[in-house]
């Protein structure tokens, strides 16, 4: 079953738009009118990436931070 959680690092920057990520690595944007899936791609190393606020993020890192907590460096 797919579970959705907020992407915490973007909570403060987007007031009317909420970004969520699922345990399957899907990303969606929700607002008062409903939700829209954000398309993802792959980088040269094969990692799934998503563009948010004109910046690229690795999806597996976003899943880790949403479901487990901050990633140790």
C-alpha atoms as a PDB file:
ATOM      1  CA  UNK A   1       0.000   0.000   0.000  1.00  0.00           C
ATOM      2  CA  UNK A   2       1.301   3.430  -0.944  1.00  0.00           C
ATOM      3  CA  UNK A   3       1.800   5.808   1.999  1.00  0.00           C
ATOM      4  CA  UNK A   4       2.280   9.578   1.612  1.00  0.00           C
ATOM      5  CA  UNK A   5       4.213  11.964   3.874  1.00  0.00           C
ATOM      6  CA  UNK A   6       5.045  15.677   3.728  1.00  0.00           C
ATOM      7  CA  UNK A   7       8.433  16.697   2.429  1.00  0.00           C
ATOM      8  CA  UNK A   8       9.439  18.706   5.496  1.00  0.00           C
ATOM      9  CA  UNK A   9      12.217  20.792   3.956  1.00  0.00           C
ATOM     10  CA  UNK A  10       9.697  22.552   1.685  1.00  0.00           C
ATOM     11  CA  UNK A  11       6.963  23.162   4.286  1.00  0.00           C
ATOM     12  CA  UNK A  12       8.065  26.726   5.051  1.00  0.00           C
ATOM     13  CA  UNK A  13       8.825  27.864   1.486  1.00  0.00           C
ATOM     14  CA  UNK A  14       5.459  27.024  -0.103  1.00  0.00           C
ATOM     15  CA  UNK A  15       2.485  28.235   1.926  1.00  0.00           C
ATOM     16  CA  UNK A  16      -0.410  27.278  -0.354  1.00  0.00           C
ATOM     17  CA  UNK A  17       1.279  24.309  -2.015  1.00  0.00           C
ATOM     18  CA  UNK A  18       2.153  21.182  -0.058  1.00  0.00           C
ATOM     19  CA  UNK A  19       4.672  18.679  -1.398  1.00  0.00           C
ATOM     20  CA  UNK A  20       4.342  15.005  -0.489  1.00  0.00           C
ATOM     21  CA  UNK A  21       6.375  11.893  -1.263  1.00  0.00           C
ATOM     22  CA  UNK A  22       5.308   8.265  -1.113  1.00  0.00           C
ATOM     23  CA  UNK A  23       7.146   5.198   0.079  1.00  0.00           C
ATOM     24  CA  UNK A  24       7.236   4.172  -3.631  1.00  0.00           C
ATOM     25  CA  UNK A  25       9.122   7.366  -4.580  1.00  0.00           C
ATOM     26  CA  UNK A  26       6.219   9.221  -6.203  1.00  0.00           C
ATOM     27  CA  UNK A  27       6.089  12.986  -5.624  1.00  0.00           C
ATOM     28  CA  UNK A  28       2.934  15.100  -5.694  1.00  0.00           C
ATOM     29  CA  UNK A  29       1.951  18.710  -5.178  1.00  0.00           C
ATOM     30  CA  UNK A  30      -1.331  19.396  -3.399  1.00  0.00           C
ATOM     31  CA  UNK A  31      -3.288  22.626  -3.092  1.00  0.00           C
ATOM     32  CA  UNK A  32      -6.891  23.677  -2.504  1.00  0.00           C
ATOM     33  CA  UNK A  33      -7.957  22.410  -5.954  1.00  0.00           C
ATOM     34  CA  UNK A  34      -6.540  18.883  -5.621  1.00  0.00           C
ATOM     35  CA  UNK A  35      -3.197  17.240  -6.378  1.00  0.00           C
ATOM     36  CA  UNK A  36      -0.781  16.893  -9.299  1.00  0.00           C
ATOM     37  CA  UNK A  37       1.917  14.263  -9.705  1.00  0.00           C
ATOM     38  CA  UNK A  38       5.354  15.758 -10.300  1.00  0.00           C
ATOM     39  CA  UNK A  39       7.275  13.982 -13.041  1.00  0.00           C
ATOM     40  CA  UNK A  40      10.665  12.498 -12.268  1.00  0.00           C
ATOM     41  CA  UNK A  41      13.667  11.666 -14.394  1.00  0.00           C
ATOM     42  CA  UNK A  42      17.026   9.976 -13.963  1.00  0.00           C
ATOM     43  CA  UNK A  43      20.477  11.467 -13.652  1.00  0.00           C
ATOM     44  CA  UNK A  44      23.590  10.127 -15.389  1.00  0.00           C
ATOM     45  CA  UNK A  45      24.186   7.656 -12.548  1.00  0.00           C
ATOM     46  CA  UNK A  46      20.669   6.205 -12.818  1.00  0.00           C
ATOM     47  CA  UNK A  47      19.240   7.801  -9.669  1.00  0.00           C
ATOM     48  CA  UNK A  48      15.628   8.991  -9.853  1.00  0.00           C
ATOM     49  CA  UNK A  49      15.522  12.805  -9.545  1.00  0.00           C
ATOM     50  CA  UNK A  50      12.821  15.451  -9.260  1.00  0.00           C
ATOM     51  CA  UNK A  51      12.942  19.214  -9.857  1.00  0.00           C
ATOM     52  CA  UNK A  52      11.557  21.369  -7.047  1.00  0.00           C
ATOM     53  CA  UNK A  53      11.967  25.158  -6.869  1.00  0.00           C
ATOM     54  CA  UNK A  54      14.432  25.105  -9.804  1.00  0.00           C
ATOM     55  CA  UNK A  55      16.701  22.622  -8.030  1.00  0.00           C
ATOM     56  CA  UNK A  56      17.182  18.872  -8.574  1.00  0.00           C
ATOM     57  CA  UNK A  57      16.818  16.417  -5.689  1.00  0.00           C
ATOM     58  CA  UNK A  58      17.416  12.671  -5.533  1.00  0.00           C
ATOM     59  CA  UNK A  59      14.136  10.948  -4.797  1.00  0.00           C
ATOM     60  CA  UNK A  60      15.641   8.239  -2.564  1.00  0.00           C
ATOM     61  CA  UNK A  61      17.054  10.940  -0.265  1.00  0.00           C
ATOM     62  CA  UNK A  62      13.658  12.642  -0.014  1.00  0.00           C
ATOM     63  CA  UNK A  63      12.014   9.295   0.838  1.00  0.00           C
ATOM     64  CA  UNK A  64      14.633   8.628   3.524  1.00  0.00           C
ATOM     65  CA  UNK A  65      14.201  12.049   5.121  1.00  0.00           C
ATOM     66  CA  UNK A  66      10.380  11.855   5.060  1.00  0.00           C
ATOM     67  CA  UNK A  67      10.019   8.313   6.420  1.00  0.00           C
ATOM     68  CA  UNK A  68      13.139   7.771   8.563  1.00  0.00           C
ATOM     69  CA  UNK A  69      14.707  11.135   9.375  1.00  0.00           C
ATOM     70  CA  UNK A  70      17.757  13.133   8.412  1.00  0.00           C
ATOM     71  CA  UNK A  71      20.450  11.335   6.512  1.00  0.00           C
ATOM     72  CA  UNK A  72      23.814  11.178   8.273  1.00  0.00           C
ATOM     73  CA  UNK A  73      26.579  12.575   6.098  1.00  0.00           C
END
